[in-house]
Amino acid sequence: PADIASIESLALELGYPESVISPMKRAATSI
């Protein structure tokens, strides 16, 4: 969990659409 912030940070830097960031983070918790 502490590293999901790194995923979000890169997603924002690359310009992911906001609508995918929350579901992407939720999916990350169960991988």
All heavy atoms as atom14 arrays in JSON, in Angstrom:
{
  "sequence": "PADIASIESLALELGYPESVISPMKRAATSI",
  "atom14_mask": [
    [1, 1, 1, 1, 1, 1, 1, 0, 0, 0, 0, 0, 0, 0],
    [1, 1, 1, 1, 1, 0, 0, 0, 0, 0, 0, 0, 0, 0],
    [1, 1, 1, 1, 1, 1, 1, 1, 0, 0, 0, 0, 0, 0],
    [1, 1, 1, 1, 1, 1, 1, 1, 0, 0, 0, 0, 0, 0],
    [1, 1, 1, 1, 1, 0, 0, 0, 0, 0, 0, 0, 0, 0],
    [1, 1, 1, 1, 1, 1, 0, 0, 0, 0, 0, 0, 0, 0],
    [1, 1, 1, 1, 1, 1, 1, 1, 0, 0, 0, 0, 0, 0],
    [1, 1, 1, 1, 1, 1, 1, 1, 1, 0, 0, 0, 0, 0],
    [1, 1, 1, 1, 1, 1, 0, 0, 0, 0, 0, 0, 0, 0],
    [1, 1, 1, 1, 1, 1, 1, 1, 0, 0, 0, 0, 0, 0],
    [1, 1, 1, 1, 1, 0, 0, 0, 0, 0, 0, 0, 0, 0],
    [1, 1, 1, 1, 1, 1, 1, 1, 0, 0, 0, 0, 0, 0],
    [1, 1, 1, 1, 1, 1, 1, 1, 1, 0, 0, 0, 0, 0],
    [1, 1, 1, 1, 1, 1, 1, 1, 0, 0, 0, 0, 0, 0],
    [1, 1, 1, 1, 0, 0, 0, 0, 0, 0, 0, 0, 0, 0],
    [1, 1, 1, 1, 1, 1, 1, 1, 1, 1, 1, 1, 0, 0],
    [1, 1, 1, 1, 1, 1, 1, 0, 0, 0, 0, 0, 0, 0],
    [1, 1, 1, 1, 1, 1, 1, 1, 1, 0, 0, 0, 0, 0],
    [1, 1, 1, 1, 1, 1, 0, 0, 0, 0, 0, 0, 0, 0],
    [1, 1, 1, 1, 1, 1, 1, 0, 0, 0, 0, 0, 0, 0],
    [1, 1, 1, 1, 1, 1, 1, 1, 0, 0, 0, 0, 0, 0],
    [1, 1, 1, 1, 1, 1, 0, 0, 0, 0, 0, 0, 0, 0],
    [1, 1, 1, 1, 1, 1, 1, 0, 0, 0, 0, 0, 0, 0],
    [1, 1, 1, 1, 1, 1, 1, 1, 0, 0, 0, 0, 0, 0],
    [1, 1, 1, 1, 1, 1, 1, 1, 1, 0, 0, 0, 0, 0],
    [1, 1, 1, 1, 1, 1, 1, 1, 1, 1, 1, 0, 0, 0],
    [1, 1, 1, 1, 1, 0, 0, 0, 0, 0, 0, 0, 0, 0],
    [1, 1, 1, 1, 1, 0, 0, 0, 0, 0, 0, 0, 0, 0],
    [1, 1, 1, 1, 1, 1, 1, 0, 0, 0, 0, 0, 0, 0],
    [1, 1, 1, 1, 1, 1, 0, 0, 0, 0, 0, 0, 0, 0],
    [1, 1, 1, 1, 1, 1, 1, 1, 0, 0, 0, 0, 0, 0]
  ],
  "atom14_positions": [
    [[0.78, -1.24, 0.0], [0.0, 0.0, 0.0], [0.8, 1.29, 0.0], [0.41, 2.26, -0.63], [-0.84, -0.14, 1.28], [-1.06, -1.6, 1.38], [0.22, -2.25, 0.93], [0.0, 0.0, 0.0], [0.0, 0.0, 0.0], [0.0, 0.0, 0.0], [0.0, 0.0, 0.0], [0.0, 0.0, 0.0], [0.0, 0.0, 0.0], [0.0, 0.0, 0.0]],
    [[1.95, 1.3, 0.66], [2.72, 2.54, 0.7], [3.22, 2.97, -0.67], [3.55, 4.13, -0.88], [3.91, 2.38, 1.65], [0.0, 0.0, 0.0], [0.0, 0.0, 0.0], [0.0, 0.0, 0.0], [0.0, 0.0, 0.0], [0.0, 0.0, 0.0], [0.0, 0.0, 0.0], [0.0, 0.0, 0.0], [0.0, 0.0, 0.0], [0.0, 0.0, 0.0]],
    [[3.25, 2.05, -1.64], [3.83, 2.36, -2.94], [2.8, 2.73, -4.01], [3.16, 3.05, -5.13], [4.67, 1.18, -3.44], [5.92, 0.99, -2.59], [6.53, 2.0, -2.23], [6.26, -0.17, -2.29], [0.0, 0.0, 0.0], [0.0, 0.0, 0.0], [0.0, 0.0, 0.0], [0.0, 0.0, 0.0], [0.0, 0.0, 0.0], [0.0, 0.0, 0.0]],
    [[1.54, 2.63, -3.67], [0.52, 3.03, -4.64], [0.64, 4.51, -4.95], [0.31, 4.96, -6.05], [-0.88, 2.66, -4.11], [-1.02, 1.13, -4.05], [-1.97, 3.27, -4.98], [-2.32, 0.64, -3.5], [0.0, 0.0, 0.0], [0.0, 0.0, 0.0], [0.0, 0.0, 0.0], [0.0, 0.0, 0.0], [0.0, 0.0, 0.0], [0.0, 0.0, 0.0]],
    [[1.17, 5.28, -4.02], [1.39, 6.7, -4.26], [2.33, 6.92, -5.44], [2.19, 7.88, -6.19], [1.94, 7.37, -3.0], [0.0, 0.0, 0.0], [0.0, 0.0, 0.0], [0.0, 0.0, 0.0], [0.0, 0.0, 0.0], [0.0, 0.0, 0.0], [0.0, 0.0, 0.0], [0.0, 0.0, 0.0], [0.0, 0.0, 0.0], [0.0, 0.0, 0.0]],
    [[3.32, 6.03, -5.61], [4.25, 6.17, -6.73], [3.54, 5.96, -8.06], [3.82, 6.65, -9.04], [5.38, 5.15, -6.59], [6.12, 5.36, -5.4], [0.0, 0.0, 0.0], [0.0, 0.0, 0.0], [0.0, 0.0, 0.0], [0.0, 0.0, 0.0], [0.0, 0.0, 0.0], [0.0, 0.0, 0.0], [0.0, 0.0, 0.0], [0.0, 0.0, 0.0]],
    [[2.6, 5.03, -8.07], [1.83, 4.77, -9.29], [0.97, 5.99, -9.64], [0.93, 6.44, -10.78], [0.94, 3.53, -9.1], [1.79, 2.32, -8.76], [0.09, 3.26, -10.34], [0.98, 1.12, -8.32], [0.0, 0.0, 0.0], [0.0, 0.0, 0.0], [0.0, 0.0, 0.0], [0.0, 0.0, 0.0], [0.0, 0.0, 0.0], [0.0, 0.0, 0.0]],
    [[0.3, 6.52, -8.63], [-0.54, 7.7, -8.86], [0.3, 8.88, -9.32], [-0.1, 9.62, -10.24], [-1.3, 8.06, -7.6], [-2.21, 9.27, -7.78], [-3.0, 9.61, -6.53], [-2.65, 9.1, -5.44], [-3.97, 10.38, -6.64], [0.0, 0.0, 0.0], [0.0, 0.0, 0.0], [0.0, 0.0, 0.0], [0.0, 0.0, 0.0], [0.0, 0.0, 0.0]],
    [[1.46, 9.06, -8.72], [2.3, 10.2, -9.06], [2.73, 10.14, -10.53], [2.67, 11.15, -11.25], [3.54, 10.22, -8.16], [4.42, 11.27, -8.53], [0.0, 0.0, 0.0], [0.0, 0.0, 0.0], [0.0, 0.0, 0.0], [0.0, 0.0, 0.0], [0.0, 0.0, 0.0], [0.0, 0.0, 0.0], [0.0, 0.0, 0.0], [0.0, 0.0, 0.0]],
    [[3.14, 8.96, -10.99], [3.56, 8.84, -12.38], [2.36, 9.0, -13.32], [2.48, 9.62, -14.38], [4.23, 7.49, -12.63], [4.74, 7.27, -14.06], [5.72, 8.35, -14.47], [5.35, 5.88, -14.21], [0.0, 0.0, 0.0], [0.0, 0.0, 0.0], [0.0, 0.0, 0.0], [0.0, 0.0, 0.0], [0.0, 0.0, 0.0], [0.0, 0.0, 0.0]],
    [[1.21, 8.46, -12.92], [0.01, 8.62, -13.74], [-0.33, 10.08, -13.95], [-0.68, 10.51, -15.06], [-1.16, 7.88, -13.09], [0.0, 0.0, 0.0], [0.0, 0.0, 0.0], [0.0, 0.0, 0.0], [0.0, 0.0, 0.0], [0.0, 0.0, 0.0], [0.0, 0.0, 0.0], [0.0, 0.0, 0.0], [0.0, 0.0, 0.0], [0.0, 0.0, 0.0]],
    [[-0.22, 10.87, -12.9], [-0.5, 12.3, -13.01], [0.55, 12.99, -13.87], [0.23, 13.87, -14.67], [-0.56, 12.92, -11.62], [-1.75, 12.49, -10.74], [-1.56, 12.99, -9.31], [-3.06, 13.01, -11.32], [0.0, 0.0, 0.0], [0.0, 0.0, 0.0], [0.0, 0.0, 0.0], [0.0, 0.0, 0.0], [0.0, 0.0, 0.0], [0.0, 0.0, 0.0]],
    [[1.79, 12.59, -13.71], [2.87, 13.2, -14.49], [2.71, 12.93, -15.98], [2.99, 13.8, -16.82], [4.22, 12.67, -14.0], [5.41, 13.36, -14.6], [6.73, 12.87, -14.01], [6.72, 11.93, -13.19], [7.78, 13.44, -14.39], [0.0, 0.0, 0.0], [0.0, 0.0, 0.0], [0.0, 0.0, 0.0], [0.0, 0.0, 0.0], [0.0, 0.0, 0.0]],
    [[2.23, 11.73, -16.31], [2.06, 11.35, -17.71], [0.77, 11.88, -18.31], [0.61, 11.87, -19.53], [2.1, 9.82, -17.85], [3.46, 9.16, -17.59], [3.31, 7.65, -17.62], [4.5, 9.62, -18.61], [0.0, 0.0, 0.0], [0.0, 0.0, 0.0], [0.0, 0.0, 0.0], [0.0, 0.0, 0.0], [0.0, 0.0, 0.0], [0.0, 0.0, 0.0]],
    [[-0.15, 12.32, -17.47], [-1.4, 12.88, -17.97], [-2.51, 11.87, -18.16], [-3.32, 12.0, -19.09], [0.0, 0.0, 0.0], [0.0, 0.0, 0.0], [0.0, 0.0, 0.0], [0.0, 0.0, 0.0], [0.0, 0.0, 0.0], [0.0, 0.0, 0.0], [0.0, 0.0, 0.0], [0.0, 0.0, 0.0], [0.0, 0.0, 0.0], [0.0, 0.0, 0.0]],
    [[-2.6, 10.86, -17.29], [-3.73, 9.93, -17.36], [-5.03, 10.71, -17.15], [-5.07, 11.67, -16.36], [-3.64, 8.88, -16.24], [-2.6, 7.81, -16.41], [-1.51, 7.95, -17.26], [-2.71, 6.61, -15.7], [-0.56, 6.95, -17.38], [-1.77, 5.61, -15.81], [-0.69, 5.79, -16.65], [0.26, 4.79, -16.77], [0.0, 0.0, 0.0], [0.0, 0.0, 0.0]],
    [[-6.1, 10.32, -17.8], [-7.39, 10.96, -17.5], [-7.77, 10.71, -16.04], [-7.55, 9.61, -15.51], [-8.36, 10.26, -18.47], [-7.66, 9.01, -18.89], [-6.2, 9.29, -18.86], [0.0, 0.0, 0.0], [0.0, 0.0, 0.0], [0.0, 0.0, 0.0], [0.0, 0.0, 0.0], [0.0, 0.0, 0.0], [0.0, 0.0, 0.0], [0.0, 0.0, 0.0]],
    [[-8.31, 11.71, -15.4], [-8.64, 11.61, -13.98], [-9.57, 10.43, -13.7], [-9.5, 9.81, -12.63], [-9.28, 12.9, -13.48], [-8.32, 14.09, -13.44], [-8.98, 15.32, -12.86], [-10.12, 15.21, -12.37], [-8.35, 16.4, -12.89], [0.0, 0.0, 0.0], [0.0, 0.0, 0.0], [0.0, 0.0, 0.0], [0.0, 0.0, 0.0], [0.0, 0.0, 0.0]],
    [[-10.43, 10.11, -14.64], [-11.44, 9.07, -14.41], [-10.86, 7.68, -14.2], [-11.55, 6.8, -13.67], [-12.42, 9.03, -15.58], [-13.09, 10.27, -15.72], [0.0, 0.0, 0.0], [0.0, 0.0, 0.0], [0.0, 0.0, 0.0], [0.0, 0.0, 0.0], [0.0, 0.0, 0.0], [0.0, 0.0, 0.0], [0.0, 0.0, 0.0], [0.0, 0.0, 0.0]],
    [[-9.61, 7.45, -14.62], [-9.05, 6.11, -14.46], [-8.19, 5.97, -13.22], [-7.86, 4.85, -12.81], [-8.22, 5.68, -15.7], [-9.02, 5.83, -16.97], [-6.91, 6.42, -15.78], [0.0, 0.0, 0.0], [0.0, 0.0, 0.0], [0.0, 0.0, 0.0], [0.0, 0.0, 0.0], [0.0, 0.0, 0.0], [0.0, 0.0, 0.0], [0.0, 0.0, 0.0]],
    [[-7.81, 7.08, -12.61], [-6.83, 6.99, -11.53], [-7.39, 6.28, -10.3], [-6.75, 5.38, -9.73], [-6.28, 8.38, -11.19], [-5.44, 8.89, -12.37], [-5.44, 8.34, -9.91], [-4.86, 10.27, -12.19], [0.0, 0.0, 0.0], [0.0, 0.0, 0.0], [0.0, 0.0, 0.0], [0.0, 0.0, 0.0], [0.0, 0.0, 0.0], [0.0, 0.0, 0.0]],
    [[-8.59, 6.62, -9.88], [-9.17, 5.96, -8.69], [-9.41, 4.47, -8.93], [-9.0, 3.64, -8.1], [-10.46, 6.65, -8.27], [-10.19, 7.94, -7.75], [0.0, 0.0, 0.0], [0.0, 0.0, 0.0], [0.0, 0.0, 0.0], [0.0, 0.0, 0.0], [0.0, 0.0, 0.0], [0.0, 0.0, 0.0], [0.0, 0.0, 0.0], [0.0, 0.0, 0.0]],
    [[-10.06, 4.05, -10.03], [-10.23, 2.61, -10.24], [-8.9, 1.89, -10.43], [-8.77, 0.72, -10.02], [-11.09, 2.53, -11.5], [-11.05, 3.86, -12.13], [-10.82, 4.84, -11.03], [0.0, 0.0, 0.0], [0.0, 0.0, 0.0], [0.0, 0.0, 0.0], [0.0, 0.0, 0.0], [0.0, 0.0, 0.0], [0.0, 0.0, 0.0], [0.0, 0.0, 0.0]],
    [[-7.91, 2.54, -11.0], [-6.59, 1.93, -11.13], [-5.97, 1.69, -9.75], [-5.42, 0.61, -9.47], [-5.67, 2.81, -11.96], [-4.25, 2.27, -12.1], [-3.1, 3.44, -12.9], [-2.99, 4.73, -11.64], [0.0, 0.0, 0.0], [0.0, 0.0, 0.0], [0.0, 0.0, 0.0], [0.0, 0.0, 0.0], [0.0, 0.0, 0.0], [0.0, 0.0, 0.0]],
    [[-6.1, 2.67, -8.87], [-5.55, 2.52, -7.52], [-6.28, 1.42, -6.76], [-5.65, 0.64, -6.02], [-5.65, 3.85, -6.77], [-4.69, 4.91, -7.27], [-5.0, 6.29, -6.71], [-4.94, 6.32, -5.2], [-5.25, 7.67, -4.68], [0.0, 0.0, 0.0], [0.0, 0.0, 0.0], [0.0, 0.0, 0.0], [0.0, 0.0, 0.0], [0.0, 0.0, 0.0]],
    [[-7.6, 1.32, -6.92], [-8.34, 0.26, -6.25], [-7.88, -1.11, -6.75], [-7.7, -2.04, -5.97], [-9.85, 0.43, -6.47], [-10.47, 1.57, -5.7], [-11.99, 1.46, -5.68], [-12.56, 1.55, -7.01], [-12.9, 2.71, -7.58], [-12.72, 3.86, -6.93], [-13.44, 2.74, -8.8], [0.0, 0.0, 0.0], [0.0, 0.0, 0.0], [0.0, 0.0, 0.0]],
    [[-7.7, -1.22, -8.05], [-7.25, -2.49, -8.61], [-5.86, -2.85, -8.1], [-5.56, -4.03, -7.86], [-7.24, -2.41, -10.14], [0.0, 0.0, 0.0], [0.0, 0.0, 0.0], [0.0, 0.0, 0.0], [0.0, 0.0, 0.0], [0.0, 0.0, 0.0], [0.0, 0.0, 0.0], [0.0, 0.0, 0.0], [0.0, 0.0, 0.0], [0.0, 0.0, 0.0]],
    [[-5.02, -1.86, -7.87], [-3.65, -2.11, -7.42], [-3.61, -2.77, -6.05], [-2.71, -3.55, -5.76], [-2.86, -0.81, -7.39], [0.0, 0.0, 0.0], [0.0, 0.0, 0.0], [0.0, 0.0, 0.0], [0.0, 0.0, 0.0], [0.0, 0.0, 0.0], [0.0, 0.0, 0.0], [0.0, 0.0, 0.0], [0.0, 0.0, 0.0], [0.0, 0.0, 0.0]],
    [[-4.61, -2.49, -5.23], [-4.59, -3.03, -3.86], [-4.81, -4.53, -3.81], [-4.5, -5.17, -2.81], [-5.66, -2.35, -2.99], [-6.96, -2.63, -3.53], [-5.44, -0.84, -2.94], [0.0, 0.0, 0.0], [0.0, 0.0, 0.0], [0.0, 0.0, 0.0], [0.0, 0.0, 0.0], [0.0, 0.0, 0.0], [0.0, 0.0, 0.0], [0.0, 0.0, 0.0]],
    [[-5.34, -5.12, -4.87], [-5.64, -6.56, -4.83], [-4.8, -7.37, -5.82], [-5.09, -8.53, -6.07], [-7.12, -6.78, -5.14], [-7.47, -6.25, -6.41], [0.0, 0.0, 0.0], [0.0, 0.0, 0.0], [0.0, 0.0, 0.0], [0.0, 0.0, 0.0], [0.0, 0.0, 0.0], [0.0, 0.0, 0.0], [0.0, 0.0, 0.0], [0.0, 0.0, 0.0]],
    [[-3.76, -6.78, -6.35], [-2.9, -7.5, -7.29], [-1.94, -8.4, -6.53], [-1.3, -7.96, -5.56], [-2.14, -6.5, -8.19], [-3.14, -5.84, -9.15], [-1.03, -7.18, -8.97], [-2.55, -4.74, -9.98], [0.0, 0.0, 0.0], [0.0, 0.0, 0.0], [0.0, 0.0, 0.0], [0.0, 0.0, 0.0], [0.0, 0.0, 0.0], [0.0, 0.0, 0.0]]
  ]
}
